[in-house]
Amino acid sequence: MKNYDLKEKKIQISDPIESYFECISSCDMKDGICISKCVEILKHNES
């Protein structure tokens, strides 16, 4: 899923770690941008 848009996915899981894994499972593992966005979501949820 190369053109993955996190806004379209609408991940609404209360646990930030579970949200992170849900997010990266939707990414192509070779798509560093998608994975980076998932990491940013995790950082934002933990602060």
C-alpha atoms as a PDB file:
ATOM      1  CA  MET A   1       0.000   0.000   0.000  1.00  0.00           C
ATOM      2  CA  LYS A   2       2.334   2.708  -1.241  1.00  0.00           C
ATOM      3  CA  ASN A   3       0.049   5.736  -1.198  1.00  0.00           C
ATOM      4  CA  TYR A   4      -1.221   5.122   2.295  1.00  0.00           C
ATOM      5  CA  ASP A   5      -3.116   8.087   3.750  1.00  0.00           C
ATOM      6  CA  LEU A   6      -3.365   7.930   7.528  1.00  0.00           C
ATOM      7  CA  LYS A   7      -6.323  10.326   7.507  1.00  0.00           C
ATOM      8  CA  GLU A   8      -8.339   7.906   5.350  1.00  0.00           C
ATOM      9  CA  LYS A   9      -7.578   4.962   7.626  1.00  0.00           C
ATOM     10  CA  LYS A  10      -9.153   6.637  10.686  1.00  0.00           C
ATOM     11  CA  ILE A  11      -7.429   4.463  13.261  1.00  0.00           C
ATOM     12  CA  GLN A  12      -9.441   4.783  16.462  1.00  0.00           C
ATOM     13  CA  ILE A  13      -7.877   2.421  18.966  1.00  0.00           C
ATOM     14  CA  SER A  14      -7.410   3.650  22.530  1.00  0.00           C
ATOM     15  CA  ASP A  15      -4.061   1.906  23.121  1.00  0.00           C
ATOM     16  CA  PRO A  16      -1.261   3.851  21.361  1.00  0.00           C
ATOM     17  CA  ILE A  17       0.921   0.747  20.933  1.00  0.00           C
ATOM     18  CA  GLU A  18      -1.940  -1.192  19.366  1.00  0.00           C
ATOM     19  CA  SER A  19      -2.652   1.794  17.100  1.00  0.00           C
ATOM     20  CA  TYR A  20       0.999   1.803  16.030  1.00  0.00           C
ATOM     21  CA  PHE A  21       0.962  -1.881  15.104  1.00  0.00           C
ATOM     22  CA  GLU A  22      -2.362  -1.458  13.285  1.00  0.00           C
ATOM     23  CA  CYS A  23      -0.809   1.415  11.353  1.00  0.00           C
ATOM     24  CA  ILE A  24       2.428  -0.347  10.368  1.00  0.00           C
ATOM     25  CA  SER A  25       0.539  -3.493   9.403  1.00  0.00           C
ATOM     26  CA  SER A  26      -1.167  -1.343   6.766  1.00  0.00           C
ATOM     27  CA  CYS A  27       2.180  -0.110   5.383  1.00  0.00           C
ATOM     28  CA  ASP A  28       4.380  -1.682   2.776  1.00  0.00           C
ATOM     29  CA  MET A  29       7.483  -2.556   4.828  1.00  0.00           C
ATOM     30  CA  LYS A  30       9.644  -0.932   2.137  1.00  0.00           C
ATOM     31  CA  ASP A  31       7.679   2.336   2.457  1.00  0.00           C
ATOM     32  CA  GLY A  32       9.709   4.265   5.002  1.00  0.00           C
ATOM     33  CA  ILE A  33       7.442   7.308   4.801  1.00  0.00           C
ATOM     34  CA  CYS A  34       4.378   5.336   5.882  1.00  0.00           C
ATOM     35  CA  ILE A  35       6.251   3.718   8.759  1.00  0.00           C
ATOM     36  CA  SER A  36       7.664   7.096   9.798  1.00  0.00           C
ATOM     37  CA  LYS A  37       4.132   8.518   9.938  1.00  0.00           C
ATOM     38  CA  CYS A  38       3.101   5.627  12.181  1.00  0.00           C
ATOM     39  CA  VAL A  39       6.021   6.379  14.495  1.00  0.00           C
ATOM     40  CA  GLU A  40       4.998  10.047  14.603  1.00  0.00           C
ATOM     41  CA  ILE A  41       1.447   9.033  15.571  1.00  0.00           C
ATOM     42  CA  LEU A  42       2.865   6.882  18.361  1.00  0.00           C
ATOM     43  CA  LYS A  43       5.060   9.745  19.604  1.00  0.00           C
ATOM     44  CA  HIS A  44       2.095  12.122  19.514  1.00  0.00           C
ATOM     45  CA  ASN A  45      -0.132   9.695  21.445  1.00  0.00           C
ATOM     46  CA  GLU A  46       2.463   9.155  24.183  1.00  0.00           C
ATOM     47  CA  SER A  47       2.943  12.848  24.921  1.00  0.00           C
END
